[in-house]
Amino acid sequence: MTEYVSGELGGKIKAIICEWSKRVKEGTEPDSNLQSATIYERLISEGVEVPDHAMSEILVELAKGGQIKLTMDTRPSGEPSKYGSMTIHGVSPDLCP
């Protein structure tokens, strides 16, 4: 597990994922997929510094651990080094108690 996953940035990303997952379950979130770019934009809007490749490391580690279902996006993206160009399709109950 990388330092990012267990650190403050990892915690913030997990919180955003859990918030989205809760809205999906409640039926108040229209999108059943969460783009990594959306997470990145939210972090930036909250004044969080996101080092290059940190988000992709965090998301890949969460996927390896079975906490999220993740796919790589095939379409071009603006700044893949910033947010990884990934899509979250599902969240394990273990991630969001």
N, C-alpha and C. Protein backbone atom coordinates (compact mmCIF):
# COMPACT_ATOMS: atom_id res chain seq x y z
N MET A 1 0.86 -1.18 0.00
CA MET A 1 0.00 0.00 0.00
C MET A 1 0.90 1.24 0.00
N THR A 2 0.58 2.18 -0.85
CA THR A 2 1.40 3.37 -0.93
C THR A 2 1.09 4.33 0.20
N GLU A 3 2.00 5.26 0.41
CA GLU A 3 1.80 6.26 1.47
C GLU A 3 0.56 7.10 1.21
N TYR A 4 0.22 7.28 -0.05
CA TYR A 4 -0.94 8.12 -0.38
C TYR A 4 -2.25 7.48 0.10
N VAL A 5 -2.36 6.15 -0.03
CA VAL A 5 -3.61 5.48 0.32
C VAL A 5 -3.93 5.67 1.80
N SER A 6 -2.93 5.52 2.65
CA SER A 6 -3.17 5.62 4.09
C SER A 6 -3.08 7.05 4.60
N GLY A 7 -2.67 7.97 3.75
CA GLY A 7 -2.52 9.36 4.17
C GLY A 7 -3.79 10.17 4.04
N GLU A 8 -3.63 11.48 4.22
CA GLU A 8 -4.77 12.40 4.19
C GLU A 8 -5.47 12.40 2.84
N LEU A 9 -4.69 12.40 1.75
CA LEU A 9 -5.30 12.41 0.41
C LEU A 9 -6.13 11.15 0.19
N GLY A 10 -5.61 10.02 0.59
CA GLY A 10 -6.37 8.77 0.47
C GLY A 10 -7.67 8.82 1.23
N GLY A 11 -7.63 9.39 2.41
CA GLY A 11 -8.85 9.53 3.22
C GLY A 11 -9.88 10.42 2.57
N LYS A 12 -9.42 11.51 1.97
CA LYS A 12 -10.34 12.42 1.29
C LYS A 12 -10.97 11.76 0.06
N ILE A 13 -10.16 11.02 -0.68
CA ILE A 13 -10.67 10.33 -1.87
C ILE A 13 -11.68 9.26 -1.46
N LYS A 14 -11.38 8.50 -0.43
CA LYS A 14 -12.31 7.48 0.06
C LYS A 14 -13.63 8.13 0.50
N ALA A 15 -13.54 9.27 1.16
CA ALA A 15 -14.77 9.96 1.63
C ALA A 15 -15.63 10.38 0.44
N ILE A 16 -14.99 10.90 -0.61
CA ILE A 16 -15.75 11.31 -1.81
C ILE A 16 -16.40 10.10 -2.46
N ILE A 17 -15.66 9.00 -2.56
CA ILE A 17 -16.20 7.78 -3.16
C ILE A 17 -17.38 7.27 -2.34
N CYS A 18 -17.25 7.27 -1.02
CA CYS A 18 -18.33 6.79 -0.15
C CYS A 18 -19.56 7.69 -0.23
N GLU A 19 -19.34 8.98 -0.31
CA GLU A 19 -20.45 9.92 -0.43
C GLU A 19 -21.22 9.64 -1.73
N TRP A 20 -20.48 9.45 -2.83
CA TRP A 20 -21.11 9.14 -4.12
C TRP A 20 -21.86 7.81 -4.04
N SER A 21 -21.22 6.80 -3.45
CA SER A 21 -21.83 5.47 -3.35
C SER A 21 -23.14 5.52 -2.56
N LYS A 22 -23.14 6.30 -1.49
CA LYS A 22 -24.35 6.45 -0.67
C LYS A 22 -25.48 7.07 -1.49
N ARG A 23 -25.16 8.10 -2.27
CA ARG A 23 -26.18 8.74 -3.11
C ARG A 23 -26.72 7.78 -4.18
N VAL A 24 -25.84 6.94 -4.73
CA VAL A 24 -26.29 5.95 -5.72
C VAL A 24 -27.28 5.00 -5.06
N LYS A 25 -26.96 4.50 -3.88
CA LYS A 25 -27.85 3.57 -3.16
C LYS A 25 -29.18 4.21 -2.80
N GLU A 26 -29.14 5.51 -2.47
CA GLU A 26 -30.37 6.22 -2.10
C GLU A 26 -31.19 6.61 -3.33
N GLY A 27 -30.60 6.48 -4.51
CA GLY A 27 -31.29 6.85 -5.73
C GLY A 27 -31.23 8.34 -6.02
N THR A 28 -30.39 9.07 -5.32
CA THR A 28 -30.30 10.52 -5.54
C THR A 28 -29.13 10.89 -6.45
N GLU A 29 -28.33 9.90 -6.84
CA GLU A 29 -27.20 10.13 -7.75
C GLU A 29 -27.55 9.54 -9.11
N PRO A 30 -27.67 10.40 -10.13
CA PRO A 30 -28.08 9.91 -11.44
C PRO A 30 -27.01 9.09 -12.17
N ASP A 31 -25.75 9.27 -11.83
CA ASP A 31 -24.67 8.59 -12.54
C ASP A 31 -24.19 7.39 -11.73
N SER A 32 -24.29 6.20 -12.31
CA SER A 32 -23.87 5.00 -11.59
C SER A 32 -22.37 4.73 -11.71
N ASN A 33 -21.65 5.63 -12.37
CA ASN A 33 -20.20 5.55 -12.48
C ASN A 33 -19.61 6.86 -11.99
N LEU A 34 -18.44 6.77 -11.37
CA LEU A 34 -17.76 7.96 -10.87
C LEU A 34 -16.42 8.10 -11.57
N GLN A 35 -16.24 9.20 -12.29
CA GLN A 35 -14.99 9.46 -13.01
C GLN A 35 -13.93 9.98 -12.05
N SER A 36 -12.70 9.52 -12.25
CA SER A 36 -11.60 10.02 -11.41
C SER A 36 -11.42 11.53 -11.60
N ALA A 37 -11.71 12.04 -12.79
CA ALA A 37 -11.61 13.48 -13.03
C ALA A 37 -12.57 14.25 -12.13
N THR A 38 -13.75 13.69 -11.87
CA THR A 38 -14.73 14.33 -11.00
C THR A 38 -14.19 14.43 -9.57
N ILE A 39 -13.55 13.35 -9.11
CA ILE A 39 -12.94 13.37 -7.77
C ILE A 39 -11.85 14.43 -7.73
N TYR A 40 -11.02 14.45 -8.74
CA TYR A 40 -9.91 15.41 -8.81
C TYR A 40 -10.43 16.84 -8.76
N GLU A 41 -11.45 17.15 -9.57
CA GLU A 41 -12.01 18.51 -9.59
C GLU A 41 -12.55 18.91 -8.23
N ARG A 42 -13.18 17.97 -7.54
CA ARG A 42 -13.72 18.27 -6.21
C ARG A 42 -12.58 18.55 -5.22
N LEU A 43 -11.53 17.74 -5.27
CA LEU A 43 -10.39 17.94 -4.38
C LEU A 43 -9.77 19.32 -4.61
N ILE A 44 -9.57 19.67 -5.87
CA ILE A 44 -8.98 20.97 -6.20
C ILE A 44 -9.88 22.10 -5.72
N SER A 45 -11.20 21.94 -5.91
CA SER A 45 -12.13 22.99 -5.48
C SER A 45 -12.12 23.16 -3.96
N GLU A 46 -11.73 22.10 -3.23
CA GLU A 46 -11.64 22.17 -1.78
C GLU A 46 -10.25 22.60 -1.31
N GLY A 47 -9.37 22.93 -2.26
CA GLY A 47 -8.04 23.41 -1.92
C GLY A 47 -7.04 22.31 -1.57
N VAL A 48 -7.33 21.08 -1.98
CA VAL A 48 -6.44 19.95 -1.68
C VAL A 48 -5.38 19.85 -2.79
N GLU A 49 -4.14 19.71 -2.39
CA GLU A 49 -3.07 19.52 -3.36
C GLU A 49 -3.01 18.04 -3.74
N VAL A 50 -3.01 17.78 -5.05
CA VAL A 50 -2.98 16.41 -5.55
C VAL A 50 -1.71 16.22 -6.39
N PRO A 51 -0.69 15.55 -5.82
CA PRO A 51 0.54 15.33 -6.58
C PRO A 51 0.29 14.45 -7.81
N ASP A 52 1.11 14.65 -8.85
CA ASP A 52 1.00 13.82 -10.05
C ASP A 52 1.02 12.34 -9.67
N HIS A 53 0.16 11.57 -10.29
CA HIS A 53 0.07 10.12 -10.15
C HIS A 53 -0.44 9.63 -8.79
N ALA A 54 -0.66 10.52 -7.84
CA ALA A 54 -1.12 10.08 -6.52
C ALA A 54 -2.52 9.48 -6.59
N MET A 55 -3.42 10.12 -7.33
CA MET A 55 -4.79 9.59 -7.41
C MET A 55 -4.81 8.21 -8.06
N SER A 56 -4.06 8.04 -9.14
CA SER A 56 -4.07 6.74 -9.80
C SER A 56 -3.51 5.67 -8.86
N GLU A 57 -2.47 6.00 -8.10
CA GLU A 57 -1.92 5.04 -7.14
C GLU A 57 -2.98 4.65 -6.11
N ILE A 58 -3.68 5.63 -5.60
CA ILE A 58 -4.71 5.37 -4.58
C ILE A 58 -5.82 4.51 -5.16
N LEU A 59 -6.34 4.88 -6.31
CA LEU A 59 -7.46 4.15 -6.91
C LEU A 59 -7.06 2.72 -7.27
N VAL A 60 -5.87 2.54 -7.81
CA VAL A 60 -5.40 1.19 -8.16
C VAL A 60 -5.24 0.34 -6.90
N GLU A 61 -4.69 0.91 -5.85
CA GLU A 61 -4.55 0.15 -4.60
C GLU A 61 -5.92 -0.24 -4.02
N LEU A 62 -6.88 0.67 -4.08
CA LEU A 62 -8.23 0.35 -3.59
C LEU A 62 -8.85 -0.77 -4.43
N ALA A 63 -8.61 -0.73 -5.73
CA ALA A 63 -9.14 -1.78 -6.61
C ALA A 63 -8.45 -3.12 -6.34
N LYS A 64 -7.13 -3.10 -6.16
CA LYS A 64 -6.39 -4.33 -5.86
C LYS A 64 -6.89 -4.96 -4.56
N GLY A 65 -7.25 -4.11 -3.61
CA GLY A 65 -7.76 -4.59 -2.34
C GLY A 65 -9.22 -4.99 -2.38
N GLY A 66 -9.85 -4.87 -3.53
CA GLY A 66 -11.26 -5.25 -3.68
C GLY A 66 -12.24 -4.25 -3.11
N GLN A 67 -11.77 -3.04 -2.81
CA GLN A 67 -12.65 -2.05 -2.21
C GLN A 67 -13.47 -1.27 -3.23
N ILE A 68 -12.96 -1.18 -4.47
CA ILE A 68 -13.72 -0.54 -5.54
C ILE A 68 -13.56 -1.35 -6.82
N LYS A 69 -14.53 -1.21 -7.73
CA LYS A 69 -14.42 -1.77 -9.08
C LYS A 69 -14.01 -0.62 -9.98
N LEU A 70 -12.94 -0.83 -10.73
CA LEU A 70 -12.31 0.26 -11.45
C LEU A 70 -11.96 -0.18 -12.87
N THR A 71 -12.16 0.72 -13.83
CA THR A 71 -11.69 0.49 -15.19
C THR A 71 -10.89 1.71 -15.64
N MET A 72 -9.97 1.45 -16.53
CA MET A 72 -9.21 2.54 -17.15
C MET A 72 -10.05 3.11 -18.28
N ASP A 73 -10.07 4.43 -18.41
CA ASP A 73 -10.81 5.06 -19.49
C ASP A 73 -9.98 4.99 -20.77
N THR A 74 -10.65 4.71 -21.87
CA THR A 74 -9.94 4.63 -23.14
C THR A 74 -9.97 5.95 -23.90
N ARG A 75 -10.88 6.82 -23.53
CA ARG A 75 -10.97 8.10 -24.24
C ARG A 75 -9.86 9.04 -23.75
N PRO A 76 -9.42 9.94 -24.61
CA PRO A 76 -8.37 10.88 -24.21
C PRO A 76 -8.84 11.78 -23.06
N SER A 77 -7.92 12.13 -22.22
CA SER A 77 -8.26 13.03 -21.11
C SER A 77 -7.24 14.15 -21.04
N GLY A 78 -7.62 15.21 -20.37
CA GLY A 78 -6.79 16.40 -20.31
C GLY A 78 -5.52 16.24 -19.51
N GLU A 79 -5.61 15.68 -18.33
CA GLU A 79 -4.45 15.57 -17.45
C GLU A 79 -4.42 14.21 -16.76
N PRO A 80 -4.13 13.13 -17.50
CA PRO A 80 -4.16 11.81 -16.87
C PRO A 80 -3.16 11.65 -15.73
N SER A 81 -2.05 12.39 -15.76
CA SER A 81 -1.10 12.27 -14.66
C SER A 81 -1.67 12.82 -13.37
N LYS A 82 -2.65 13.71 -13.49
CA LYS A 82 -3.27 14.30 -12.29
C LYS A 82 -4.32 13.38 -11.67
N TYR A 83 -5.17 12.77 -12.52
CA TYR A 83 -6.29 12.02 -11.94
C TYR A 83 -6.45 10.60 -12.44
N GLY A 84 -5.57 10.13 -13.30
CA GLY A 84 -5.56 8.72 -13.63
C GLY A 84 -6.46 8.25 -14.76
N SER A 85 -7.41 9.05 -15.21
CA SER A 85 -8.33 8.65 -16.28
C SER A 85 -8.96 7.28 -16.01
N MET A 86 -9.68 7.18 -14.91
CA MET A 86 -10.32 5.94 -14.49
C MET A 86 -11.78 6.17 -14.17
N THR A 87 -12.54 5.07 -14.14
CA THR A 87 -13.95 5.12 -13.78
C THR A 87 -14.22 4.09 -12.69
N ILE A 88 -14.90 4.54 -11.65
CA ILE A 88 -15.30 3.65 -10.56
C ILE A 88 -16.73 3.19 -10.85
N HIS A 89 -16.92 1.86 -10.80
CA HIS A 89 -18.22 1.27 -11.12
C HIS A 89 -18.95 0.70 -9.91
N GLY A 90 -18.22 0.49 -8.85
CA GLY A 90 -18.83 -0.10 -7.67
C GLY A 90 -17.94 0.06 -6.47
N VAL A 91 -18.55 -0.03 -5.29
CA VAL A 91 -17.82 0.16 -4.04
C VAL A 91 -18.18 -0.98 -3.08
N SER A 92 -17.16 -1.55 -2.47
CA SER A 92 -17.36 -2.61 -1.49
C SER A 92 -17.92 -2.04 -0.20
N PRO A 93 -18.80 -2.77 0.47
CA PRO A 93 -19.30 -2.31 1.78
C PRO A 93 -18.16 -2.14 2.79
N ASP A 94 -17.04 -2.82 2.56
CA ASP A 94 -15.89 -2.70 3.47
C ASP A 94 -15.29 -1.30 3.45
N LEU A 95 -15.38 -0.63 2.30
CA LEU A 95 -14.80 0.70 2.18
C LEU A 95 -15.65 1.74 2.90
N CYS A 96 -16.96 1.56 2.79
CA CYS A 96 -17.90 2.56 3.35
C CYS A 96 -18.80 1.89 4.37
N PRO A 97 -18.37 1.89 5.62
CA PRO A 97 -19.19 1.22 6.65
C PRO A 97 -20.50 1.94 6.92
